[in-house]
C-alpha atoms as a PDB file:
ATOM      1  CA  MET A   1      -0.012   0.120   0.125  1.00  0.00           C
ATOM      2  CA  LYS A   2       1.342   3.741  -0.833  1.00  0.00           C
ATOM      3  CA  SER A   3       1.458   6.101   1.669  1.00  0.00           C
ATOM      4  CA  ILE A   4       1.487  10.098   1.475  1.00  0.00           C
ATOM      5  CA  LEU A   5       2.985  12.669   4.121  1.00  0.00           C
ATOM      6  CA  LEU A   6       2.907  15.722   3.881  1.00  0.00           C
ATOM      7  CA  LEU A   7       3.976  18.459   6.280  1.00  0.00           C
ATOM      8  CA  ALA A   8       2.504  21.745   6.012  1.00  0.00           C
ATOM      9  CA  LEU A   9       4.410  24.651   6.757  1.00  0.00           C
ATOM     10  CA  LEU A  10       4.326  28.533   6.877  1.00  0.00           C
ATOM     11  CA  GLY A  11      -5.700  19.818 -20.205  1.00  0.00           C
ATOM     12  CA  LEU A  12      -6.552  16.850 -21.393  1.00  0.00           C
ATOM     13  CA  LEU A  13      -5.478  13.526 -19.357  1.00  0.00           C
ATOM     14  CA  THR A  14      -2.512  12.174 -21.445  1.00  0.00           C
ATOM     15  CA  PRO A  15       0.406  13.057 -19.250  1.00  0.00           C
ATOM     16  CA  GLN A  16       2.812  13.390 -22.457  1.00  0.00           C
ATOM     17  CA  LEU A  17       0.748  16.458 -23.059  1.00  0.00           C
ATOM     18  CA  ILE A  18       2.560  17.703 -19.724  1.00  0.00           C
ATOM     19  CA  TYR A  19       5.717  16.080 -19.245  1.00  0.00           C
ATOM     20  CA  GLY A  20       6.223  14.564 -22.702  1.00  0.00           C
ATOM     21  CA  GLY A  21       6.001  17.635 -25.036  1.00  0.00           C
ATOM     22  CA  ILE A  22       4.950  21.503 -24.198  1.00  0.00           C
ATOM     23  CA  ILE A  23       1.740  22.820 -23.321  1.00  0.00           C
ATOM     24  CA  LYS A  24       1.325  25.980 -25.726  1.00  0.00           C
ATOM     25  CA  THR A  25      -0.482  28.929 -24.733  1.00  0.00           C
ATOM     26  CA  GLU A  26      -0.940  32.174 -25.888  1.00  0.00           C
ATOM     27  CA  GLN A  27       1.753  33.931 -23.021  1.00  0.00           C
ATOM     28  CA  HIS A  28       4.182  30.894 -21.910  1.00  0.00           C
ATOM     29  CA  ARG A  29       5.539  27.409 -22.747  1.00  0.00           C
ATOM     30  CA  ASN A  30       6.007  25.317 -20.100  1.00  0.00           C
ATOM     31  CA  PRO A  31       8.960  23.044 -19.890  1.00  0.00           C
ATOM     32  CA  VAL A  32       9.143  19.317 -20.397  1.00  0.00           C
ATOM     33  CA  ARG A  33       9.465  17.640 -16.870  1.00  0.00           C
ATOM     34  CA  SER A  34      10.416  14.033 -16.589  1.00  0.00           C
ATOM     35  CA  PRO A  35       7.672  12.090 -14.769  1.00  0.00           C
ATOM     36  CA  VAL A  36       7.703  12.157 -10.667  1.00  0.00           C
ATOM     37  CA  HIS A  37       7.228   8.745  -8.965  1.00  0.00           C
ATOM     38  CA  PHE A  38       6.619   7.297  -5.499  1.00  0.00           C
ATOM     39  CA  ASN A  39       9.712   6.213  -3.700  1.00  0.00           C
ATOM     40  CA  SER A  40      11.043   2.569  -3.913  1.00  0.00           C
ATOM     41  CA  ASN A  41       9.370   1.684  -0.679  1.00  0.00           C
ATOM     42  CA  GLY A  42       5.871   3.244  -2.103  1.00  0.00           C
ATOM     43  CA  THR A  43       6.059   6.332  -0.224  1.00  0.00           C
ATOM     44  CA  PHE A  44       5.915   9.970  -1.201  1.00  0.00           C
ATOM     45  CA  LYS A  45       6.588  12.916   1.031  1.00  0.00           C
ATOM     46  CA  ILE A  46       5.743  16.410   0.885  1.00  0.00           C
ATOM     47  CA  VAL A  47       6.979  19.417   2.388  1.00  0.00           C
ATOM     48  CA  THR A  48       4.793  22.669   2.052  1.00  0.00           C
ATOM     49  CA  PHE A  49       5.958  26.102   2.343  1.00  0.00           C
ATOM     50  CA  THR A  50       3.841  29.151   2.109  1.00  0.00           C
ATOM     51  CA  ASP A  51       3.712  33.066   2.975  1.00  0.00           C
ATOM     52  CA  LEU A  52       7.250  33.332   2.802  1.00  0.00           C
ATOM     53  CA  HIS A  53       7.133  37.037   1.333  1.00  0.00           C
ATOM     54  CA  TYR A  54      10.741  37.469   0.223  1.00  0.00           C
ATOM     55  CA  GLY A  55      11.613  40.878   0.026  1.00  0.00           C
ATOM     56  CA  GLU A  56       9.414  42.073   2.494  1.00  0.00           C
ATOM     57  CA  GLY A  57      10.886  45.700   3.914  1.00  0.00           C
ATOM     58  CA  ALA A  58      13.435  46.082   1.502  1.00  0.00           C
ATOM     59  CA  GLY A  59      14.489  49.276   2.994  1.00  0.00           C
ATOM     60  CA  SER A  60      14.630  48.031   6.713  1.00  0.00           C
ATOM     61  CA  ASP A  61      17.073  46.415   9.343  1.00  0.00           C
ATOM     62  CA  TRP A  62      14.328  43.416   9.444  1.00  0.00           C
ATOM     63  CA  GLY A  63      13.481  42.806   5.893  1.00  0.00           C
ATOM     64  CA  PRO A  64      16.526  41.290   4.758  1.00  0.00           C
ATOM     65  CA  ALA A  65      17.370  39.476   8.298  1.00  0.00           C
ATOM     66  CA  ASN A  66      14.232  37.698   8.018  1.00  0.00           C
ATOM     67  CA  ASP A  67      14.941  36.491   4.670  1.00  0.00           C
ATOM     68  CA  ILE A  68      18.182  34.952   5.898  1.00  0.00           C
ATOM     69  CA  LYS A  69      16.282  33.372   8.527  1.00  0.00           C
ATOM     70  CA  SER A  70      13.482  32.039   5.950  1.00  0.00           C
ATOM     71  CA  THR A  71      16.412  30.708   4.243  1.00  0.00           C
ATOM     72  CA  LYS A  72      18.053  28.732   6.894  1.00  0.00           C
ATOM     73  CA  VAL A  73      14.584  27.472   8.014  1.00  0.00           C
ATOM     74  CA  MET A  74      13.775  25.912   4.469  1.00  0.00           C
ATOM     75  CA  PHE A  75      17.587  24.473   4.531  1.00  0.00           C
ATOM     76  CA  ASP A  76      16.922  23.086   8.055  1.00  0.00           C
ATOM     77  CA  ILE A  77      13.422  21.203   7.205  1.00  0.00           C
ATOM     78  CA  LEU A  78      14.417  20.000   3.950  1.00  0.00           C
ATOM     79  CA  ASP A  79      17.727  18.510   5.866  1.00  0.00           C
ATOM     80  CA  TRP A  80      15.509  16.718   8.152  1.00  0.00           C
ATOM     81  CA  GLU A  81      12.741  15.548   6.515  1.00  0.00           C
ATOM     82  CA  LYS A  82      14.385  14.727   2.548  1.00  0.00           C
ATOM     83  CA  PRO A  83      10.814  14.886   1.033  1.00  0.00           C
ATOM     84  CA  ASP A  84      10.221  13.807  -2.367  1.00  0.00           C
ATOM     85  CA  PHE A  85       8.890  16.932  -3.505  1.00  0.00           C
ATOM     86  CA  VAL A  86       7.984  20.218  -2.310  1.00  0.00           C
ATOM     87  CA  VAL A  87       5.296  22.796  -2.465  1.00  0.00           C
ATOM     88  CA  PHE A  88       5.254  26.568  -1.750  1.00  0.00           C
ATOM     89  CA  THR A  89       1.615  27.788  -1.309  1.00  0.00           C
ATOM     90  CA  GLY A  90       2.019  31.500  -2.317  1.00  0.00           C
ATOM     91  CA  ASP A  91       2.953  34.830  -1.278  1.00  0.00           C
ATOM     92  CA  LEU A  92       6.792  33.642  -2.108  1.00  0.00           C
ATOM     93  CA  MET A  93       7.577  37.117  -2.381  1.00  0.00           C
ATOM     94  CA  SER A  94       6.027  40.564  -1.682  1.00  0.00           C
ATOM     95  CA  ALA A  95       6.243  41.848  -5.301  1.00  0.00           C
ATOM     96  CA  GLU A  96       4.395  44.886  -4.554  1.00  0.00           C
ATOM     97  CA  VAL A  97       7.693  46.822  -2.727  1.00  0.00           C
ATOM     98  CA  MET A  98       9.789  45.508  -5.755  1.00  0.00           C
ATOM     99  CA  TYR A  99      11.673  47.303  -8.445  1.00  0.00           C
ATOM    100  CA  PRO A 100      12.317  45.600 -10.456  1.00  0.00           C
ATOM    101  CA  ASN A 101      14.311  42.877  -8.678  1.00  0.00           C
ATOM    102  CA  GLY A 102      12.133  39.889  -8.811  1.00  0.00           C
ATOM    103  CA  THR A 103      13.816  37.369 -10.457  1.00  0.00           C
ATOM    104  CA  GLU A 104      16.808  37.530  -7.883  1.00  0.00           C
ATOM    105  CA  THR A 105      14.194  37.475  -5.114  1.00  0.00           C
ATOM    106  CA  MET A 106      13.436  34.443  -6.610  1.00  0.00           C
ATOM    107  CA  ASP A 107      17.097  32.969  -6.915  1.00  0.00           C
ATOM    108  CA  GLN A 108      17.149  33.726  -3.255  1.00  0.00           C
ATOM    109  CA  LEU A 109      14.296  31.884  -2.162  1.00  0.00           C
ATOM    110  CA  LEU A 110      14.877  28.779  -4.263  1.00  0.00           C
ATOM    111  CA  GLU A 111      18.114  28.172  -2.955  1.00  0.00           C
ATOM    112  CA  PRO A 112      17.484  25.837  -0.838  1.00  0.00           C
ATOM    113  CA  VAL A 113      15.316  23.562  -3.280  1.00  0.00           C
ATOM    114  CA  VAL A 114      18.143  24.274  -6.092  1.00  0.00           C
ATOM    115  CA  LYS A 115      20.964  23.395  -4.112  1.00  0.00           C
ATOM    116  CA  GLY A 116      19.386  20.437  -2.418  1.00  0.00           C
ATOM    117  CA  ASN A 117      18.304  19.484  -5.855  1.00  0.00           C
ATOM    118  CA  TYR A 118      14.500  18.846  -4.912  1.00  0.00           C
ATOM    119  CA  LYS A 119      11.433  18.866  -7.228  1.00  0.00           C
ATOM    120  CA  TRP A 120       8.987  21.542  -6.531  1.00  0.00           C
ATOM    121  CA  ALA A 121       5.937  23.119  -7.488  1.00  0.00           C
ATOM    122  CA  SER A 122       3.873  26.637  -6.742  1.00  0.00           C
ATOM    123  CA  THR A 123       1.046  28.346  -6.909  1.00  0.00           C
ATOM    124  CA  TYR A 124       0.925  32.085  -6.548  1.00  0.00           C
ATOM    125  CA  GLY A 125      -0.524  34.556  -4.038  1.00  0.00           C
ATOM    126  CA  ASN A 126      -1.887  37.916  -3.774  1.00  0.00           C
ATOM    127  CA  HIS A 127       1.440  39.408  -2.717  1.00  0.00           C
ATOM    128  CA  ASP A 128       2.868  37.786  -6.138  1.00  0.00           C
ATOM    129  CA  ILE A 129       2.344  40.575  -8.207  1.00  0.00           C
ATOM    130  CA  GLY A 130       3.173  44.172  -8.178  1.00  0.00           C
ATOM    131  CA  ASN A 131       3.441  47.318 -10.356  1.00  0.00           C
ATOM    132  CA  ASN A 132       7.065  46.267 -11.286  1.00  0.00           C
ATOM    133  CA  VAL A 133       6.672  42.522 -10.839  1.00  0.00           C
ATOM    134  CA  SER A 134       4.448  40.124 -12.766  1.00  0.00           C
ATOM    135  CA  ARG A 135       3.802  36.691 -12.493  1.00  0.00           C
ATOM    136  CA  GLU A 136       5.073  35.570 -15.435  1.00  0.00           C
ATOM    137  CA  VAL A 137       8.379  37.126 -14.351  1.00  0.00           C
ATOM    138  CA  ILE A 138       8.167  35.047 -11.280  1.00  0.00           C
ATOM    139  CA  LEU A 139       6.762  32.041 -12.954  1.00  0.00           C
ATOM    140  CA  SER A 140      10.007  32.080 -15.659  1.00  0.00           C
ATOM    141  CA  ALA A 141      12.357  32.857 -12.955  1.00  0.00           C
ATOM    142  CA  GLU A 142      10.988  29.350 -11.448  1.00  0.00           C
ATOM    143  CA  GLN A 143      10.913  27.515 -14.579  1.00  0.00           C
ATOM    144  CA  LYS A 144      14.457  28.206 -15.429  1.00  0.00           C
ATOM    145  CA  TYR A 145      15.357  25.433 -12.700  1.00  0.00           C
ATOM    146  CA  ASP A 146      15.018  21.768 -13.885  1.00  0.00           C
ATOM    147  CA  GLY A 147      13.228  21.109 -10.481  1.00  0.00           C
ATOM    148  CA  SER A 148      10.584  23.322 -11.230  1.00  0.00           C
ATOM    149  CA  TYR A 149       7.512  21.901 -12.152  1.00  0.00           C
ATOM    150  CA  THR A 150       5.028  24.915 -11.685  1.00  0.00           C
ATOM    151  CA  GLN A 151       3.045  25.413 -14.804  1.00  0.00           C
ATOM    152  CA  GLN A 152       0.932  28.451 -16.438  1.00  0.00           C
ATOM    153  CA  GLY A 153      -2.525  26.975 -17.010  1.00  0.00           C
ATOM    154  CA  GLU A 154      -3.958  26.172 -20.029  1.00  0.00           C
ATOM    155  CA  GLU A 155      -5.277  28.881 -22.318  1.00  0.00           C
ATOM    156  CA  GLY A 156      -8.750  30.425 -21.596  1.00  0.00           C
ATOM    157  CA  LEU A 157      -8.255  29.672 -17.751  1.00  0.00           C
ATOM    158  CA  ILE A 158      -8.082  32.711 -15.885  1.00  0.00           C
ATOM    159  CA  GLY A 159      -5.248  33.222 -13.636  1.00  0.00           C
ATOM    160  CA  ASN A 160      -1.937  31.725 -14.025  1.00  0.00           C
ATOM    161  CA  THR A 161      -0.797  28.805 -11.888  1.00  0.00           C
ATOM    162  CA  ASN A 162      -4.000  26.304 -13.139  1.00  0.00           C
ATOM    163  CA  TYR A 163      -2.745  23.177 -13.390  1.00  0.00           C
ATOM    164  CA  TYR A 164      -2.158  19.242 -12.063  1.00  0.00           C
ATOM    165  CA  ILE A 165       1.015  16.961 -11.561  1.00  0.00           C
ATOM    166  CA  PRO A 166       0.476  13.182 -11.793  1.00  0.00           C
ATOM    167  CA  ILE A 167       2.573  11.135  -9.477  1.00  0.00           C
ATOM    168  CA  TYR A 168       3.039   7.793 -10.447  1.00  0.00           C
ATOM    169  CA  PRO A 169       3.672   4.614  -8.378  1.00  0.00           C
ATOM    170  CA  PRO A 170       6.920   3.351  -8.008  1.00  0.00           C
ATOM    171  CA  THR A 171       9.929   3.068 -11.239  1.00  0.00           C
ATOM    172  CA  GLY A 172       9.895  -0.505 -12.551  1.00  0.00           C
ATOM    173  CA  THR A 173       6.659  -1.398 -11.331  1.00  0.00           C
ATOM    174  CA  ASN A 174       3.801  -2.796 -13.339  1.00  0.00           C
ATOM    175  CA  GLY A 175       2.067   0.106 -15.352  1.00  0.00           C
ATOM    176  CA  SER A 176       4.400   2.944 -13.153  1.00  0.00           C
ATOM    177  CA  GLU A 177       3.520   5.369 -15.733  1.00  0.00           C
ATOM    178  CA  GLU A 178       0.075   4.173 -16.755  1.00  0.00           C
ATOM    179  CA  LYS A 179      -1.636   5.413 -14.296  1.00  0.00           C
ATOM    180  CA  PRO A 180      -1.172   8.139 -11.611  1.00  0.00           C
ATOM    181  CA  ALA A 181      -1.261   6.676  -8.003  1.00  0.00           C
ATOM    182  CA  LEU A 182      -1.602  10.425  -6.764  1.00  0.00           C
ATOM    183  CA  ILE A 183      -2.907  13.765  -8.623  1.00  0.00           C
ATOM    184  CA  LEU A 184      -1.484  17.163  -7.097  1.00  0.00           C
ATOM    185  CA  TRP A 185      -4.048  19.897  -8.173  1.00  0.00           C
ATOM    186  CA  PHE A 186      -2.926  23.643  -8.286  1.00  0.00           C
ATOM    187  CA  PHE A 187      -5.214  26.358  -8.391  1.00  0.00           C
ATOM    188  CA  ASP A 188      -4.907  30.268  -8.932  1.00  0.00           C
ATOM    189  CA  SER A 189      -6.633  32.521  -6.258  1.00  0.00           C
ATOM    190  CA  ARG A 190      -5.587  35.522  -7.637  1.00  0.00           C
ATOM    191  CA  GLY A 191      -5.539  38.822  -5.713  1.00  0.00           C
ATOM    192  CA  GLY A 192      -3.329  41.584  -5.741  1.00  0.00           C
ATOM    193  CA  ARG A 193      -2.482  45.235  -7.728  1.00  0.00           C
ATOM    194  CA  ASN A 194      -0.684  45.977 -10.354  1.00  0.00           C
ATOM    195  CA  SER A 195      -0.541  48.970 -12.337  1.00  0.00           C
ATOM    196  CA  SER A 196      -3.818  48.524 -13.830  1.00  0.00           C
ATOM    197  CA  GLY A 197      -5.546  48.206 -10.556  1.00  0.00           C
ATOM    198  CA  GLY A 198      -6.605  45.376  -8.036  1.00  0.00           C
ATOM    199  CA  ILE A 199      -7.152  41.546  -9.268  1.00  0.00           C
ATOM    200  CA  SER A 200     -10.216  39.680  -7.758  1.00  0.00           C
ATOM    201  CA  ALA A 201      -9.536  37.157  -5.098  1.00  0.00           C
ATOM    202  CA  TYR A 202     -10.950  33.848  -6.030  1.00  0.00           C
ATOM    203  CA  VAL A 203     -10.705  30.770  -7.953  1.00  0.00           C
ATOM    204  CA  HIS A 204     -12.075  31.890 -11.357  1.00  0.00           C
ATOM    205  CA  GLU A 205     -15.502  30.005 -12.923  1.00  0.00           C
ATOM    206  CA  THR A 206     -13.258  29.370 -15.835  1.00  0.00           C
ATOM    207  CA  VAL A 207     -11.147  27.276 -13.491  1.00  0.00           C
ATOM    208  CA  VAL A 208     -13.980  25.446 -11.822  1.00  0.00           C
ATOM    209  CA  ASP A 209     -15.489  24.148 -14.976  1.00  0.00           C
ATOM    210  CA  TRP A 210     -11.863  22.905 -16.561  1.00  0.00           C
ATOM    211  CA  PHE A 211     -11.693  20.834 -12.829  1.00  0.00           C
ATOM    212  CA  LYS A 212     -14.769  19.510 -13.302  1.00  0.00           C
ATOM    213  CA  LEU A 213     -14.079  18.382 -16.774  1.00  0.00           C
ATOM    214  CA  THR A 214     -10.683  17.614 -16.477  1.00  0.00           C
ATOM    215  CA  ALA A 215     -11.848  15.494 -13.087  1.00  0.00           C
ATOM    216  CA  GLN A 216     -15.085  13.792 -14.749  1.00  0.00           C
ATOM    217  CA  GLN A 217     -12.263  12.646 -17.802  1.00  0.00           C
ATOM    218  CA  MET A 218      -9.947  11.246 -15.374  1.00  0.00           C
ATOM    219  CA  ASN A 219     -12.103   9.446 -13.228  1.00  0.00           C
ATOM    220  CA  GLU A 220     -13.581   7.935 -16.385  1.00  0.00           C
ATOM    221  CA  THR A 221     -10.531   6.796 -17.452  1.00  0.00           C
ATOM    222  CA  TRP A 222      -8.818   5.580 -14.376  1.00  0.00           C
ATOM    223  CA  GLY A 223     -11.583   5.680 -11.603  1.00  0.00           C
ATOM    224  CA  PRO A 224     -10.633   8.142  -8.655  1.00  0.00           C
ATOM    225  CA  VAL A 225      -7.429   8.752  -7.823  1.00  0.00           C
ATOM    226  CA  PRO A 226      -6.522  10.219  -4.696  1.00  0.00           C
ATOM    227  CA  SER A 227      -5.514  13.879  -4.982  1.00  0.00           C
ATOM    228  CA  LEU A 228      -4.487  16.539  -3.190  1.00  0.00           C
ATOM    229  CA  ALA A 229      -5.228  20.505  -3.540  1.00  0.00           C
ATOM    230  CA  PHE A 230      -3.177  23.731  -3.184  1.00  0.00           C
ATOM    231  CA  PHE A 231      -4.192  27.199  -3.680  1.00  0.00           C
ATOM    232  CA  HIS A 232      -3.299  30.277  -1.652  1.00  0.00           C
ATOM    233  CA  TYR A 233      -6.190  32.135  -0.386  1.00  0.00           C
ATOM    234  CA  PRO A 234      -8.926  29.807   1.737  1.00  0.00           C
ATOM    235  CA  THR A 235     -12.594  29.377   1.312  1.00  0.00           C
ATOM    236  CA  ASP A 236     -15.624  30.136   3.176  1.00  0.00           C
ATOM    237  CA  GLU A 237     -15.578  26.565   4.352  1.00  0.00           C
ATOM    238  CA  TYR A 238     -12.378  27.346   6.620  1.00  0.00           C
ATOM    239  CA  LYS A 239     -14.125  29.890   8.891  1.00  0.00           C
ATOM    240  CA  PRO A 240     -16.216  27.692  10.860  1.00  0.00           C
ATOM    241  CA  ILE A 241     -13.135  25.268  11.576  1.00  0.00           C
ATOM    242  CA  HIS A 242     -11.362  28.039  12.920  1.00  0.00           C
ATOM    243  CA  ASP A 243     -13.850  29.799  14.844  1.00  0.00           C
ATOM    244  CA  THR A 244     -14.300  26.175  16.541  1.00  0.00           C
ATOM    245  CA  ILE A 245     -10.514  25.468  16.426  1.00  0.00           C
ATOM    246  CA  ALA A 246     -10.567  24.240  20.210  1.00  0.00           C
ATOM    247  CA  ASP A 247     -12.967  21.323  19.337  1.00  0.00           C
ATOM    248  CA  HIS A 248     -10.487  20.173  16.626  1.00  0.00           C
ATOM    249  CA  PRO A 249      -7.176  18.636  18.001  1.00  0.00           C
ATOM    250  CA  GLU A 250      -6.542  17.017  14.670  1.00  0.00           C
ATOM    251  CA  CYS A 251      -5.554  20.596  13.778  1.00  0.00           C
ATOM    252  CA  PRO A 252      -2.640  21.287  15.805  1.00  0.00           C
ATOM    253  CA  GLY A 253      -0.043  24.194  15.650  1.00  0.00           C
ATOM    254  CA  GLN A 254      -0.494  28.151  15.684  1.00  0.00           C
ATOM    255  CA  HIS A 255      -4.054  30.164  14.956  1.00  0.00           C
ATOM    256  CA  ASP A 256      -3.134  33.625  15.475  1.00  0.00           C
ATOM    257  CA  ASP A 257      -5.203  35.322  12.722  1.00  0.00           C
ATOM    258  CA  ILE A 258      -8.516  35.017  11.033  1.00  0.00           C
ATOM    259  CA  VAL A 259      -9.714  33.610   8.071  1.00  0.00           C
ATOM    260  CA  THR A 260     -10.045  35.874   4.976  1.00  0.00           C
ATOM    261  CA  PRO A 261     -11.797  33.700   2.493  1.00  0.00           C
ATOM    262  CA  GLN A 262     -11.986  34.276  -1.358  1.00  0.00           C
ATOM    263  CA  GLU A 263     -13.974  37.269  -2.398  1.00  0.00           C
ATOM    264  CA  ARG A 264     -16.475  35.128  -4.129  1.00  0.00           C
ATOM    265  CA  ASP A 265     -17.802  31.595  -3.745  1.00  0.00           C
ATOM    266  CA  THR A 266     -17.517  29.844  -7.460  1.00  0.00           C
ATOM    267  CA  GLY A 267     -18.663  26.614  -6.229  1.00  0.00           C
ATOM    268  CA  PHE A 268     -14.650  26.022  -5.944  1.00  0.00           C
ATOM    269  CA  MET A 269     -15.272  23.705  -2.614  1.00  0.00           C
ATOM    270  CA  GLU A 270     -18.036  21.896  -3.688  1.00  0.00           C
ATOM    271  CA  ALA A 271     -16.742  20.824  -6.727  1.00  0.00           C
ATOM    272  CA  LEU A 272     -13.500  19.607  -5.060  1.00  0.00           C
ATOM    273  CA  VAL A 273     -15.526  17.491  -2.657  1.00  0.00           C
ATOM    274  CA  ALA A 274     -17.832  16.511  -5.196  1.00  0.00           C
ATOM    275  CA  SER A 275     -15.186  14.900  -7.527  1.00  0.00           C
ATOM    276  CA  GLY A 276     -14.538  12.165  -5.266  1.00  0.00           C
ATOM    277  CA  MET A 277     -10.613  12.753  -5.595  1.00  0.00           C
ATOM    278  CA  ILE A 278      -9.420  15.268  -3.753  1.00  0.00           C
ATOM    279  CA  LYS A 279      -8.228  13.959  -0.015  1.00  0.00           C
ATOM    280  CA  ALA A 280      -7.102  17.392   1.467  1.00  0.00           C
ATOM    281  CA  ALA A 281      -6.542  20.909   0.581  1.00  0.00           C
ATOM    282  CA  PHE A 282      -3.687  23.230   1.659  1.00  0.00           C
ATOM    283  CA  VAL A 283      -3.938  26.876   2.225  1.00  0.00           C
ATOM    284  CA  GLY A 284      -1.995  30.031   2.648  1.00  0.00           C
ATOM    285  CA  HIS A 285      -2.306  33.802   3.286  1.00  0.00           C
ATOM    286  CA  ASN A 286      -3.634  34.156   6.758  1.00  0.00           C
ATOM    287  CA  HIS A 287      -0.641  34.450   8.920  1.00  0.00           C
ATOM    288  CA  GLY A 288       1.014  36.036  12.110  1.00  0.00           C
ATOM    289  CA  LYS A 289       2.123  39.464  11.399  1.00  0.00           C
ATOM    290  CA  PHE A 290       6.019  40.118  11.507  1.00  0.00           C
ATOM    291  CA  PRO A 291       8.545  41.149  12.071  1.00  0.00           C
END
């Protein structure tokens, strides 16, 4: 039996369309990446980092110091856990205060996963955009590294990071690249501001419809494949859990902020549940204040 350990810290069905070729959109060409597999012992460990906010307080003493601390924390956690995959769930940087060093900031942020030779993928948050740094710039800065599995979503989807990654059984097992054992879904809840004004913060209806159709096709082809969802803004469904957190010992850790949900309910969470695939969803956005 395969098992998945996930540590959370602050198209079409054919996988060849994602990893055996190049998806073409109007704005971007995604690079080819090799398939991702479970370990030979049948496990797959994921570490997630969220709301790192690199570049925050660039003109202060605490801002650059916090980035150095964040880098050390990531190095330490990756060294302790040695995951099979790393996920960043948005607000990788504070792009609204940058001019225009987004690429350099991404290089600093990604140093632990690059030097550790880890595979990773991201979805972006409301701070991953600004007047001088676009999400396309951030995406290009990620994708220049071979370990990045972050993708630009297909044409017609509102937002950037709407995509999925199939995770296959261990290499060498029967059918190890025919049917995924796990699927990682990434959704762009958008938000933030650029020179054109504010951007609505929710997973758009075009993305919800894409997920419904793609999940249906997957279920018809493979049956329900266990899946995990990653996005930045929580949905309304997180609020009652947070408000009664004392009654939920299964939710350990610090709880020092309110839940600020997506601005609009597009039936996104309902679609995730109705798919029969999604076993858990992981978000960011709400966190303690700093410095």
